[in-house]
Amino acid sequence: MIISGQDKGKTGKVIAAFPRESKVIIEGVNIIKKHQKPRGVGQAGEIIEKEAPIFASKVMYYDTTKKKPTRIGYKILKDGKKVRVSKASGEQID
């Protein structure tokens, strides 16, 4: 879920992550229009709409149980396995 900016409140899946730049691309969010020149003879130019990267600090995990954005924590199970957990609901995240 986007927590600030022009797309605040929108949700979508993370398509790509760029850890070095602290940016992510989210499906259906931060859509830009790219003007593409014609590449060959007889081919027309076009305007393509695609997702642009946004800063990862503007994104939070969306908890479907509580229907709100939440932080992520870690929990160690009885068998010693470390899993991600939603801070709002306590539910385990795949």
PDB file of N, CA and C in Angstrom:
ATOM      1  N   MET A   1       0.844  -1.174   0.000  1.00  0.00           N
ATOM      2  CA  MET A   1       0.000   0.000   0.000  1.00  0.00           C
ATOM      3  C   MET A   1       0.892   1.240   0.000  1.00  0.00           C
ATOM      4  N   ILE A   2       0.487   2.246  -0.768  1.00  0.00           N
ATOM      5  CA  ILE A   2       1.229   3.500  -0.838  1.00  0.00           C
ATOM      6  C   ILE A   2       0.753   4.393   0.308  1.00  0.00           C
ATOM      7  N   ILE A   3       1.696   4.944   1.089  1.00  0.00           N
ATOM      8  CA  ILE A   3       1.320   5.728   2.269  1.00  0.00           C
ATOM      9  C   ILE A   3       1.446   7.233   2.073  1.00  0.00           C
ATOM     10  N   SER A   4       2.064   7.689   0.972  1.00  0.00           N
ATOM     11  CA  SER A   4       2.144   9.126   0.712  1.00  0.00           C
ATOM     12  C   SER A   4       2.348   9.383  -0.772  1.00  0.00           C
ATOM     13  N   GLY A   5       2.041  10.606  -1.193  1.00  0.00           N
ATOM     14  CA  GLY A   5       2.230  10.986  -2.590  1.00  0.00           C
ATOM     15  C   GLY A   5       0.927  10.980  -3.361  1.00  0.00           C
ATOM     16  N   GLN A   6       1.027  11.133  -4.673  1.00  0.00           N
ATOM     17  CA  GLN A   6      -0.156  11.247  -5.522  1.00  0.00           C
ATOM     18  C   GLN A   6      -0.970   9.961  -5.582  1.00  0.00           C
ATOM     19  N   ASP A   7      -0.355   8.816  -5.334  1.00  0.00           N
ATOM     20  CA  ASP A   7      -1.046   7.528  -5.381  1.00  0.00           C
ATOM     21  C   ASP A   7      -1.370   6.989  -3.994  1.00  0.00           C
ATOM     22  N   LYS A   8      -1.461   7.860  -3.009  1.00  0.00           N
ATOM     23  CA  LYS A   8      -1.712   7.457  -1.622  1.00  0.00           C
ATOM     24  C   LYS A   8      -2.991   6.621  -1.522  1.00  0.00           C
ATOM     25  N   GLY A   9      -2.899   5.488  -0.823  1.00  0.00           N
ATOM     26  CA  GLY A   9      -4.050   4.617  -0.622  1.00  0.00           C
ATOM     27  C   GLY A   9      -4.175   3.492  -1.630  1.00  0.00           C
ATOM     28  N   LYS A  10      -3.447   3.551  -2.734  1.00  0.00           N
ATOM     29  CA  LYS A  10      -3.518   2.498  -3.742  1.00  0.00           C
ATOM     30  C   LYS A  10      -2.728   1.276  -3.284  1.00  0.00           C
ATOM     31  N   THR A  11      -3.163   0.111  -3.742  1.00  0.00           N
ATOM     32  CA  THR A  11      -2.458  -1.125  -3.420  1.00  0.00           C
ATOM     33  C   THR A  11      -2.106  -1.855  -4.704  1.00  0.00           C
ATOM     34  N   GLY A  12      -1.120  -2.723  -4.640  1.00  0.00           N
ATOM     35  CA  GLY A  12      -0.706  -3.513  -5.787  1.00  0.00           C
ATOM     36  C   GLY A  12       0.452  -4.410  -5.420  1.00  0.00           C
ATOM     37  N   LYS A  13       0.797  -5.306  -6.325  1.00  0.00           N
ATOM     38  CA  LYS A  13       1.912  -6.226  -6.096  1.00  0.00           C
ATOM     39  C   LYS A  13       3.226  -5.566  -6.486  1.00  0.00           C
ATOM     40  N   VAL A  14       4.283  -5.917  -5.765  1.00  0.00           N
ATOM     41  CA  VAL A  14       5.617  -5.421  -6.095  1.00  0.00           C
ATOM     42  C   VAL A  14       6.122  -6.218  -7.292  1.00  0.00           C
ATOM     43  N   ILE A  15       6.416  -5.520  -8.380  1.00  0.00           N
ATOM     44  CA  ILE A  15       6.910  -6.162  -9.601  1.00  0.00           C
ATOM     45  C   ILE A  15       8.422  -6.322  -9.546  1.00  0.00           C
ATOM     46  N   ALA A  16       9.109  -5.257  -9.123  1.00  0.00           N
ATOM     47  CA  ALA A  16      10.574  -5.277  -9.069  1.00  0.00           C
ATOM     48  C   ALA A  16      11.048  -4.434  -7.900  1.00  0.00           C
ATOM     49  N   ALA A  17      12.211  -4.800  -7.368  1.00  0.00           N
ATOM     50  CA  ALA A  17      12.817  -4.047  -6.268  1.00  0.00           C
ATOM     51  C   ALA A  17      14.252  -3.698  -6.638  1.00  0.00           C
ATOM     52  N   PHE A  18      14.657  -2.483  -6.298  1.00  0.00           N
ATOM     53  CA  PHE A  18      16.011  -2.010  -6.547  1.00  0.00           C
ATOM     54  C   PHE A  18      16.618  -1.581  -5.216  1.00  0.00           C
ATOM     55  N   PRO A  19      17.202  -2.514  -4.449  1.00  0.00           N
ATOM     56  CA  PRO A  19      17.700  -2.216  -3.102  1.00  0.00           C
ATOM     57  C   PRO A  19      18.777  -1.139  -3.052  1.00  0.00           C
ATOM     58  N   ARG A  20      19.649  -1.076  -4.037  1.00  0.00           N
ATOM     59  CA  ARG A  20      20.717  -0.064  -4.036  1.00  0.00           C
ATOM     60  C   ARG A  20      20.163   1.348  -4.123  1.00  0.00           C
ATOM     61  N   GLU A  21      19.053   1.505  -4.825  1.00  0.00           N
ATOM     62  CA  GLU A  21      18.436   2.818  -4.999  1.00  0.00           C
ATOM     63  C   GLU A  21      17.282   3.042  -4.022  1.00  0.00           C
ATOM     64  N   SER A  22      16.936   2.033  -3.231  1.00  0.00           N
ATOM     65  CA  SER A  22      15.790   2.076  -2.301  1.00  0.00           C
ATOM     66  C   SER A  22      14.492   2.395  -3.032  1.00  0.00           C
ATOM     67  N   LYS A  23      14.280   1.750  -4.174  1.00  0.00           N
ATOM     68  CA  LYS A  23      13.072   1.970  -4.962  1.00  0.00           C
ATOM     69  C   LYS A  23      12.416   0.639  -5.304  1.00  0.00           C
ATOM     70  N   VAL A  24      11.104   0.697  -5.540  1.00  0.00           N
ATOM     71  CA  VAL A  24      10.340  -0.473  -5.966  1.00  0.00           C
ATOM     72  C   VAL A  24       9.386  -0.062  -7.081  1.00  0.00           C
ATOM     73  N   ILE A  25       8.990  -1.040  -7.893  1.00  0.00           N
ATOM     74  CA  ILE A  25       7.966  -0.823  -8.907  1.00  0.00           C
ATOM     75  C   ILE A  25       6.753  -1.627  -8.470  1.00  0.00           C
ATOM     76  N   ILE A  26       5.599  -0.949  -8.385  1.00  0.00           N
ATOM     77  CA  ILE A  26       4.371  -1.592  -7.940  1.00  0.00           C
ATOM     78  C   ILE A  26       3.360  -1.568  -9.076  1.00  0.00           C
ATOM     79  N   GLU A  27       2.689  -2.697  -9.275  1.00  0.00           N
ATOM     80  CA  GLU A  27       1.730  -2.864 -10.352  1.00  0.00           C
ATOM     81  C   GLU A  27       0.572  -1.863 -10.229  1.00  0.00           C
ATOM     82  N   GLY A  28       0.352  -1.067 -11.280  1.00  0.00           N
ATOM     83  CA  GLY A  28      -0.765  -0.133 -11.332  1.00  0.00           C
ATOM     84  C   GLY A  28      -0.572   1.165 -10.564  1.00  0.00           C
ATOM     85  N   VAL A  29       0.652   1.437 -10.093  1.00  0.00           N
ATOM     86  CA  VAL A  29       0.924   2.631  -9.292  1.00  0.00           C
ATOM     87  C   VAL A  29       2.031   3.444  -9.960  1.00  0.00           C
ATOM     88  N   ASN A  30       1.937   4.777  -9.882  1.00  0.00           N
ATOM     89  CA  ASN A  30       2.923   5.699 -10.456  1.00  0.00           C
ATOM     90  C   ASN A  30       3.083   5.474 -11.962  1.00  0.00           C
ATOM     91  N   ILE A  31       1.962   5.525 -12.670  1.00  0.00           N
ATOM     92  CA  ILE A  31       1.939   5.301 -14.118  1.00  0.00           C
ATOM     93  C   ILE A  31       2.469   6.548 -14.830  1.00  0.00           C
ATOM     94  N   ILE A  32       3.407   6.335 -15.761  1.00  0.00           N
ATOM     95  CA  ILE A  32       3.938   7.425 -16.574  1.00  0.00           C
ATOM     96  C   ILE A  32       3.647   7.136 -18.043  1.00  0.00           C
ATOM     97  N   LYS A  33       3.685   8.184 -18.866  1.00  0.00           N
ATOM     98  CA  LYS A  33       3.501   8.022 -20.305  1.00  0.00           C
ATOM     99  C   LYS A  33       4.844   8.217 -20.978  1.00  0.00           C
ATOM    100  N   LYS A  34       5.268   7.210 -21.742  1.00  0.00           N
ATOM    101  CA  LYS A  34       6.540   7.272 -22.452  1.00  0.00           C
ATOM    102  C   LYS A  34       6.238   7.412 -23.940  1.00  0.00           C
ATOM    103  N   HIS A  35       6.781   8.459 -24.550  1.00  0.00           N
ATOM    104  CA  HIS A  35       6.591   8.696 -25.979  1.00  0.00           C
ATOM    105  C   HIS A  35       7.675   7.938 -26.733  1.00  0.00           C
ATOM    106  N   GLN A  36       7.252   6.980 -27.549  1.00  0.00           N
ATOM    107  CA  GLN A  36       8.180   6.112 -28.263  1.00  0.00           C
ATOM    108  C   GLN A  36       8.246   6.521 -29.733  1.00  0.00           C
ATOM    109  N   LYS A  37       9.458   6.708 -30.233  1.00  0.00           N
ATOM    110  CA  LYS A  37       9.651   7.052 -31.640  1.00  0.00           C
ATOM    111  C   LYS A  37       9.405   5.820 -32.505  1.00  0.00           C
ATOM    112  N   PRO A  38       9.045   6.037 -33.777  1.00  0.00           N
ATOM    113  CA  PRO A  38       8.920   4.892 -34.679  1.00  0.00           C
ATOM    114  C   PRO A  38      10.285   4.242 -34.895  1.00  0.00           C
ATOM    115  N   ARG A  39      10.338   2.933 -34.892  1.00  0.00           N
ATOM    116  CA  ARG A  39      11.623   2.229 -34.991  1.00  0.00           C
ATOM    117  C   ARG A  39      11.976   1.832 -36.420  1.00  0.00           C
ATOM    118  N   GLY A  40      10.994   1.520 -37.199  1.00  0.00           N
ATOM    119  CA  GLY A  40      11.279   1.084 -38.562  1.00  0.00           C
ATOM    120  C   GLY A  40      10.478   1.877 -39.576  1.00  0.00           C
ATOM    121  N   VAL A  41      10.706   1.573 -40.841  1.00  0.00           N
ATOM    122  CA  VAL A  41       9.984   2.241 -41.916  1.00  0.00           C
ATOM    123  C   VAL A  41       8.537   1.756 -41.901  1.00  0.00           C
ATOM    124  N   GLY A  42       7.605   2.694 -41.956  1.00  0.00           N
ATOM    125  CA  GLY A  42       6.188   2.335 -41.976  1.00  0.00           C
ATOM    126  C   GLY A  42       5.601   2.053 -40.602  1.00  0.00           C
ATOM    127  N   GLN A  43       6.399   2.194 -39.575  1.00  0.00           N
ATOM    128  CA  GLN A  43       5.900   1.948 -38.219  1.00  0.00           C
ATOM    129  C   GLN A  43       5.605   3.291 -37.547  1.00  0.00           C
ATOM    130  N   ALA A  44       4.476   3.380 -36.897  1.00  0.00           N
ATOM    131  CA  ALA A  44       4.077   4.631 -36.251  1.00  0.00           C
ATOM    132  C   ALA A  44       4.639   4.709 -34.836  1.00  0.00           C
ATOM    133  N   GLY A  45       4.850   5.938 -34.382  1.00  0.00           N
ATOM    134  CA  GLY A  45       5.250   6.133 -32.995  1.00  0.00           C
ATOM    135  C   GLY A  45       4.054   5.906 -32.089  1.00  0.00           C
ATOM    136  N   GLU A  46       4.308   5.739 -30.811  1.00  0.00           N
ATOM    137  CA  GLU A  46       3.206   5.475 -29.896  1.00  0.00           C
ATOM    138  C   GLU A  46       3.507   6.020 -28.504  1.00  0.00           C
ATOM    139  N   ILE A  47       2.464   6.118 -27.704  1.00  0.00           N
ATOM    140  CA  ILE A  47       2.607   6.538 -26.315  1.00  0.00           C
ATOM    141  C   ILE A  47       2.321   5.320 -25.447  1.00  0.00           C
ATOM    142  N   ILE A  48       3.306   4.923 -24.654  1.00  0.00           N
ATOM    143  CA  ILE A  48       3.193   3.736 -23.808  1.00  0.00           C
ATOM    144  C   ILE A  48       3.017   4.174 -22.357  1.00  0.00           C
ATOM    145  N   GLU A  49       2.058   3.568 -21.669  1.00  0.00           N
ATOM    146  CA  GLU A  49       1.889   3.816 -20.238  1.00  0.00           C
ATOM    147  C   GLU A  49       2.545   2.674 -19.478  1.00  0.00           C
ATOM    148  N   LYS A  50       3.418   3.016 -18.521  1.00  0.00           N
ATOM    149  CA  LYS A  50       4.077   1.980 -17.733  1.00  0.00           C
ATOM    150  C   LYS A  50       4.341   2.484 -16.317  1.00  0.00           C
ATOM    151  N   GLU A  51       4.630   1.542 -15.420  1.00  0.00           N
ATOM    152  CA  GLU A  51       4.895   1.881 -14.026  1.00  0.00           C
ATOM    153  C   GLU A  51       6.319   2.392 -13.876  1.00  0.00           C
ATOM    154  N   ALA A  52       6.482   3.431 -13.057  1.00  0.00           N
ATOM    155  CA  ALA A  52       7.802   3.978 -12.756  1.00  0.00           C
ATOM    156  C   ALA A  52       8.147   3.637 -11.307  1.00  0.00           C
ATOM    157  N   PRO A  53       9.437   3.581 -10.974  1.00  0.00           N
ATOM    158  CA  PRO A  53       9.823   3.264  -9.594  1.00  0.00           C
ATOM    159  C   PRO A  53       9.444   4.375  -8.617  1.00  0.00           C
ATOM    160  N   ILE A  54       9.129   3.980  -7.384  1.00  0.00           N
ATOM    161  CA  ILE A  54       8.896   4.931  -6.300  1.00  0.00           C
ATOM    162  C   ILE A  54       9.775   4.525  -5.121  1.00  0.00           C
ATOM    163  N   PHE A  55      10.004   5.453  -4.207  1.00  0.00           N
ATOM    164  CA  PHE A  55      10.852   5.154  -3.061  1.00  0.00           C
ATOM    165  C   PHE A  55      10.191   4.116  -2.161  1.00  0.00           C
ATOM    166  N   ALA A  56      10.987   3.189  -1.676  1.00  0.00           N
ATOM    167  CA  ALA A  56      10.494   2.109  -0.827  1.00  0.00           C
ATOM    168  C   ALA A  56       9.944   2.632   0.496  1.00  0.00           C
ATOM    169  N   SER A  57      10.393   3.809   0.930  1.00  0.00           N
ATOM    170  CA  SER A  57       9.908   4.374   2.189  1.00  0.00           C
ATOM    171  C   SER A  57       8.446   4.815   2.103  1.00  0.00           C
ATOM    172  N   LYS A  58       7.901   4.916   0.893  1.00  0.00           N
ATOM    173  CA  LYS A  58       6.504   5.305   0.707  1.00  0.00           C
ATOM    174  C   LYS A  58       5.575   4.099   0.638  1.00  0.00           C
ATOM    175  N   VAL A  59       6.126   2.903   0.836  1.00  0.00           N
ATOM    176  CA  VAL A  59       5.364   1.667   0.682  1.00  0.00           C
ATOM    177  C   VAL A  59       5.331   0.902   2.002  1.00  0.00           C
ATOM    178  N   MET A  60       4.148   0.360   2.334  1.00  0.00           N
ATOM    179  CA  MET A  60       4.003  -0.507   3.503  1.00  0.00           C
ATOM    180  C   MET A  60       3.270  -1.769   3.086  1.00  0.00           C
ATOM    181  N   TYR A  61       3.477  -2.832   3.845  1.00  0.00           N
ATOM    182  CA  TYR A  61       2.762  -4.081   3.614  1.00  0.00           C
ATOM    183  C   TYR A  61       1.293  -3.880   3.972  1.00  0.00           C
ATOM    184  N   TYR A  62       0.365  -4.397   3.141  1.00  0.00           N
ATOM    185  CA  TYR A  62      -1.069  -4.274   3.391  1.00  0.00           C
ATOM    186  C   TYR A  62      -1.573  -5.564   4.017  1.00  0.00           C
ATOM    187  N   ASP A  63      -2.076  -5.462   5.249  1.00  0.00           N
ATOM    188  CA  ASP A  63      -2.597  -6.616   5.979  1.00  0.00           C
ATOM    189  C   ASP A  63      -4.045  -6.846   5.556  1.00  0.00           C
ATOM    190  N   THR A  64      -4.321  -7.971   4.892  1.00  0.00           N
ATOM    191  CA  THR A  64      -5.669  -8.259   4.408  1.00  0.00           C
ATOM    192  C   THR A  64      -6.624  -8.618   5.541  1.00  0.00           C
ATOM    193  N   THR A  65      -6.109  -9.066   6.675  1.00  0.00           N
ATOM    194  CA  THR A  65      -6.956  -9.401   7.816  1.00  0.00           C
ATOM    195  C   THR A  65      -7.523  -8.142   8.460  1.00  0.00           C
ATOM    196  N   LYS A  66      -6.665  -7.170   8.742  1.00  0.00           N
ATOM    197  CA  LYS A  66      -7.073  -5.925   9.397  1.00  0.00           C
ATOM    198  C   LYS A  66      -7.498  -4.842   8.407  1.00  0.00           C
ATOM    199  N   LYS A  67      -7.251  -5.061   7.114  1.00  0.00           N
ATOM    200  CA  LYS A  67      -7.579  -4.099   6.051  1.00  0.00           C
ATOM    201  C   LYS A  67      -6.900  -2.753   6.253  1.00  0.00           C
ATOM    202  N   LYS A  68      -5.612  -2.778   6.624  1.00  0.00           N
ATOM    203  CA  LYS A  68      -4.846  -1.542   6.787  1.00  0.00           C
ATOM    204  C   LYS A  68      -3.355  -1.836   6.633  1.00  0.00           C
ATOM    205  N   PRO A  69      -2.544  -0.800   6.369  1.00  0.00           N
ATOM    206  CA  PRO A  69      -1.105  -1.017   6.249  1.00  0.00           C
ATOM    207  C   PRO A  69      -0.497  -1.364   7.603  1.00  0.00           C
ATOM    208  N   THR A  70       0.554  -2.176   7.571  1.00  0.00           N
ATOM    209  CA  THR A  70       1.178  -2.624   8.809  1.00  0.00           C
ATOM    210  C   THR A  70       2.675  -2.795   8.629  1.00  0.00           C
ATOM    211  N   ARG A  71       3.379  -2.830   9.732  1.00  0.00           N
ATOM    212  CA  ARG A  71       4.807  -3.116   9.700  1.00  0.00           C
ATOM    213  C   ARG A  71       5.008  -4.625   9.769  1.00  0.00           C
ATOM    214  N   ILE A  72       6.224  -5.042   9.465  1.00  0.00           N
ATOM    215  CA  ILE A  72       6.567  -6.458   9.471  1.00  0.00           C
ATOM    216  C   ILE A  72       7.526  -6.730  10.620  1.00  0.00           C
ATOM    217  N   GLY A  73       7.293  -7.826  11.319  1.00  0.00           N
ATOM    218  CA  GLY A  73       8.196  -8.250  12.379  1.00  0.00           C
ATOM    219  C   GLY A  73       8.615  -9.690  12.139  1.00  0.00           C
ATOM    220  N   TYR A  74       9.475 -10.197  12.979  1.00  0.00           N
ATOM    221  CA  TYR A  74       9.937 -11.577  12.860  1.00  0.00           C
ATOM    222  C   TYR A  74       9.613 -12.328  14.134  1.00  0.00           C
ATOM    223  N   LYS A  75       9.339 -13.618  13.986  1.00  0.00           N
ATOM    224  CA  LYS A  75       9.013 -14.466  15.119  1.00  0.00           C
ATOM    225  C   LYS A  75       9.698 -15.807  14.901  1.00  0.00           C
ATOM    226  N   ILE A  76      10.214 -16.372  15.970  1.00  0.00           N
ATOM    227  CA  ILE A  76      10.852 -17.684  15.880  1.00  0.00           C
ATOM    228  C   ILE A  76       9.859 -18.720  16.385  1.00  0.00           C
ATOM    229  N   LEU A  77       9.546 -19.685  15.532  1.00  0.00           N
ATOM    230  CA  LEU A  77       8.598 -20.732  15.881  1.00  0.00           C
ATOM    231  C   LEU A  77       9.244 -21.751  16.817  1.00  0.00           C
ATOM    232  N   LYS A  78       8.425 -22.663  17.334  1.00  0.00           N
ATOM    233  CA  LYS A  78       8.922 -23.676  18.275  1.00  0.00           C
ATOM    234  C   LYS A  78       9.968 -24.596  17.652  1.00  0.00           C
ATOM    235  N   ASP A  79       9.858 -24.807  16.353  1.00  0.00           N
ATOM    236  CA  ASP A  79      10.833 -25.674  15.678  1.00  0.00           C
ATOM    237  C   ASP A  79      12.115 -24.932  15.303  1.00  0.00           C
ATOM    238  N   GLY A  80      12.228 -23.646  15.685  1.00  0.00           N
ATOM    239  CA  GLY A  80      13.437 -22.864  15.433  1.00  0.00           C
ATOM    240  C   GLY A  80      13.433 -22.109  14.119  1.00  0.00           C
ATOM    241  N   LYS A  81      12.332 -22.189  13.387  1.00  0.00           N
ATOM    242  CA  LYS A  81      12.232 -21.518  12.094  1.00  0.00           C
ATOM    243  C   LYS A  81      11.840 -20.053  12.293  1.00  0.00           C
ATOM    244  N   LYS A  82      12.504 -19.133  11.582  1.00  0.00           N
ATOM    245  CA  LYS A  82      12.229 -17.700  11.673  1.00  0.00           C
ATOM    246  C   LYS A  82      11.262 -17.314  10.555  1.00  0.00           C
ATOM    247  N   VAL A  83      10.117 -16.701  10.918  1.00  0.00           N
ATOM    248  CA  VAL A  83       9.101 -16.334   9.934  1.00  0.00           C
ATOM    249  C   VAL A  83       8.748 -14.855  10.066  1.00  0.00           C
ATOM    250  N   ARG A  84       8.227 -14.285   8.968  1.00  0.00           N
ATOM    251  CA  ARG A  84       7.765 -12.896   8.995  1.00  0.00           C
ATOM    252  C   ARG A  84       6.336 -12.857   9.525  1.00  0.00           C
ATOM    253  N   VAL A  85       6.036 -11.813  10.334  1.00  0.00           N
ATOM    254  CA  VAL A  85       4.736 -11.702  10.983  1.00  0.00           C
ATOM    255  C   VAL A  85       4.225 -10.269  10.847  1.00  0.00           C
ATOM    256  N   SER A  86       2.916 -10.122  10.625  1.00  0.00           N
ATOM    257  CA  SER A  86       2.290  -8.801  10.586  1.00  0.00           C
ATOM    258  C   SER A  86       2.189  -8.264  12.003  1.00  0.00           C
ATOM    259  N   LYS A  87       2.635  -7.015  12.214  1.00  0.00           N
ATOM    260  CA  LYS A  87       2.583  -6.410  13.550  1.00  0.00           C
ATOM    261  C   LYS A  87       1.141  -6.107  13.966  1.00  0.00           C
ATOM    262  N   ALA A  88       0.255  -5.790  13.023  1.00  0.00           N
ATOM    263  CA  ALA A  88      -1.119  -5.419  13.347  1.00  0.00           C
ATOM    264  C   ALA A  88      -1.953  -6.620  13.788  1.00  0.00           C
ATOM    265  N   SER A  89      -1.869  -7.723  13.041  1.00  0.00           N
ATOM    266  CA  SER A  89      -2.727  -8.868  13.326  1.00  0.00           C
ATOM    267  C   SER A  89      -1.992 -10.048  13.953  1.00  0.00           C
ATOM    268  N   GLY A  90      -0.682 -10.092  13.827  1.00  0.00           N
ATOM    269  CA  GLY A  90       0.079 -11.227  14.342  1.00  0.00           C
ATOM    270  C   GLY A  90       0.073 -12.423  13.408  1.00  0.00           C
ATOM    271  N   GLU A  91      -0.545 -12.280  12.240  1.00  0.00           N
ATOM    272  CA  GLU A  91      -0.619 -13.369  11.267  1.00  0.00           C
ATOM    273  C   GLU A  91       0.727 -13.577  10.582  1.00  0.00           C
ATOM    274  N   GLN A  92       1.000 -14.829  10.259  1.00  0.00           N
ATOM    275  CA  GLN A  92       2.245 -15.175   9.562  1.00  0.00           C
ATOM    276  C   GLN A  92       2.113 -14.805   8.087  1.00  0.00           C
ATOM    277  N   ILE A  93       3.176 -14.245   7.521  1.00  0.00           N
ATOM    278  CA  ILE A  93       3.212 -13.856   6.112  1.00  0.00           C
ATOM    279  C   ILE A  93       4.020 -14.900   5.357  1.00  0.00           C
ATOM    280  N   ASP A  94       3.499 -15.340   4.190  1.00  0.00           N
ATOM    281  CA  ASP A  94       4.205 -16.380   3.419  1.00  0.00           C
ATOM    282  C   ASP A  94       5.598 -15.925   3.101  1.00  0.00           C
TER     283      ASP A  94
END
